[in-house]
Amino acid sequence: MNTTEAVHPLTLQLLEWIDSTPRAYAEVLDAWRTSCPRLSIWEDACLAGLIACEQGGARIVTPSAKGRVLLDAHRVGALHRHGSFQKT
């Protein structure tokens, strides 16, 4: 997945959510894991390398470097679409 590919809006929501505050692995799984094969946001994000999980203790989940690139690209794109981006 690169930053020009279409990204499911829920994938971006997941990345925004785990980027907003430190989240424990158990909390993330409780909120995002599903057994529905048509809505596999957590699993797809993990397979795409968008998620990082610190080992040890509470196992904090964060966007991976690849996930952060995707988030940043989405944020800049959103600024452009809404006319909030101004070149200096």
Protein backbone atom coordinates (compact mmCIF):
# COMPACT_ATOMS: atom_id res chain seq x y z
CA MET A 1 0.00 0.00 0.00
CA ASN A 2 1.41 3.38 -0.90
CA THR A 3 0.09 6.86 -0.13
CA THR A 4 -1.55 7.20 -3.54
CA GLU A 5 -3.70 4.07 -3.17
CA ALA A 6 -7.25 4.34 -1.89
CA VAL A 7 -7.45 3.70 1.84
CA HIS A 8 -10.58 2.54 3.62
CA PRO A 9 -11.89 5.43 5.76
CA LEU A 10 -12.07 3.13 8.79
CA THR A 11 -8.36 2.33 8.40
CA LEU A 12 -7.62 6.03 8.64
CA GLN A 13 -9.96 6.29 11.62
CA LEU A 14 -8.10 3.43 13.34
CA LEU A 15 -4.74 5.09 12.70
CA GLU A 16 -6.01 8.47 13.93
CA TRP A 17 -7.44 6.81 17.05
CA ILE A 18 -4.23 5.02 18.01
CA ASP A 19 -2.18 8.09 17.13
CA SER A 20 -4.26 10.38 19.39
CA THR A 21 -3.21 8.73 22.67
CA PRO A 22 -1.22 5.69 23.75
CA ARG A 23 -3.43 2.59 23.50
CA ALA A 24 -2.85 -0.80 25.08
CA TYR A 25 -2.96 -3.79 22.73
CA ALA A 26 -5.93 -5.28 24.61
CA GLU A 27 -7.87 -2.01 24.30
CA VAL A 28 -7.23 -1.81 20.57
CA LEU A 29 -8.25 -5.42 19.99
CA ASP A 30 -11.37 -4.95 22.06
CA ALA A 31 -12.38 -1.94 19.99
CA TRP A 32 -11.26 -2.97 16.49
CA ARG A 33 -10.93 -6.72 16.11
CA THR A 34 -13.83 -8.44 14.42
CA SER A 35 -14.75 -11.88 13.19
CA CYS A 36 -16.57 -10.41 10.20
CA PRO A 37 -14.58 -11.20 7.04
CA ARG A 38 -16.01 -8.14 5.31
CA LEU A 39 -14.84 -5.70 7.98
CA SER A 40 -11.29 -6.65 8.86
CA ILE A 41 -9.86 -3.17 9.51
CA TRP A 42 -7.48 -4.20 12.32
CA GLU A 43 -6.27 -7.29 10.51
CA ASP A 44 -5.81 -5.47 7.19
CA ALA A 45 -3.89 -2.62 8.86
CA CYS A 46 -1.58 -5.15 10.55
CA LEU A 47 -0.99 -7.05 7.31
CA ALA A 48 -0.25 -3.79 5.47
CA GLY A 49 2.41 -2.89 8.06
CA LEU A 50 0.51 0.18 9.31
CA ILE A 51 0.57 -0.84 12.99
CA ALA A 52 3.46 -1.06 15.46
CA CYS A 53 3.22 -2.79 18.83
CA GLU A 54 5.83 -2.24 21.52
CA GLN A 55 6.81 -5.50 23.21
CA GLY A 56 6.74 -5.91 26.97
CA GLY A 57 4.49 -4.58 29.72
CA ALA A 58 1.30 -2.99 28.41
CA ARG A 59 2.20 -3.56 24.73
CA ILE A 60 1.37 -0.09 23.44
CA VAL A 61 -0.01 0.09 19.90
CA THR A 62 0.93 3.00 17.62
CA PRO A 63 0.97 3.70 13.90
CA SER A 64 4.13 2.27 12.34
CA ALA A 65 6.44 4.49 10.30
CA LYS A 66 4.44 3.41 7.22
CA GLY A 67 1.18 4.19 9.06
CA ARG A 68 2.45 7.66 9.99
CA VAL A 69 3.38 8.37 6.36
CA LEU A 70 -0.15 7.40 5.35
CA LEU A 71 -1.67 9.58 8.09
CA ASP A 72 0.50 12.54 7.15
CA ALA A 73 -0.38 12.18 3.47
CA HIS A 74 -4.07 11.99 4.33
CA ARG A 75 -3.86 15.05 6.61
CA VAL A 76 -2.06 17.13 3.96
CA GLY A 77 -4.55 15.96 1.32
CA ALA A 78 -7.44 16.94 3.59
CA LEU A 79 -5.93 20.39 4.08
CA HIS A 80 -5.63 20.82 0.30
CA ARG A 81 -9.21 19.64 -0.30
CA HIS A 82 -10.64 22.01 2.29
CA GLY A 83 -8.56 25.00 1.18
CA SER A 84 -6.80 25.24 4.54
CA PHE A 85 -3.35 24.68 3.08
CA GLN A 86 -1.43 27.81 2.22
CA LYS A 87 2.06 27.82 0.78
CA THR A 88 4.48 30.14 2.51
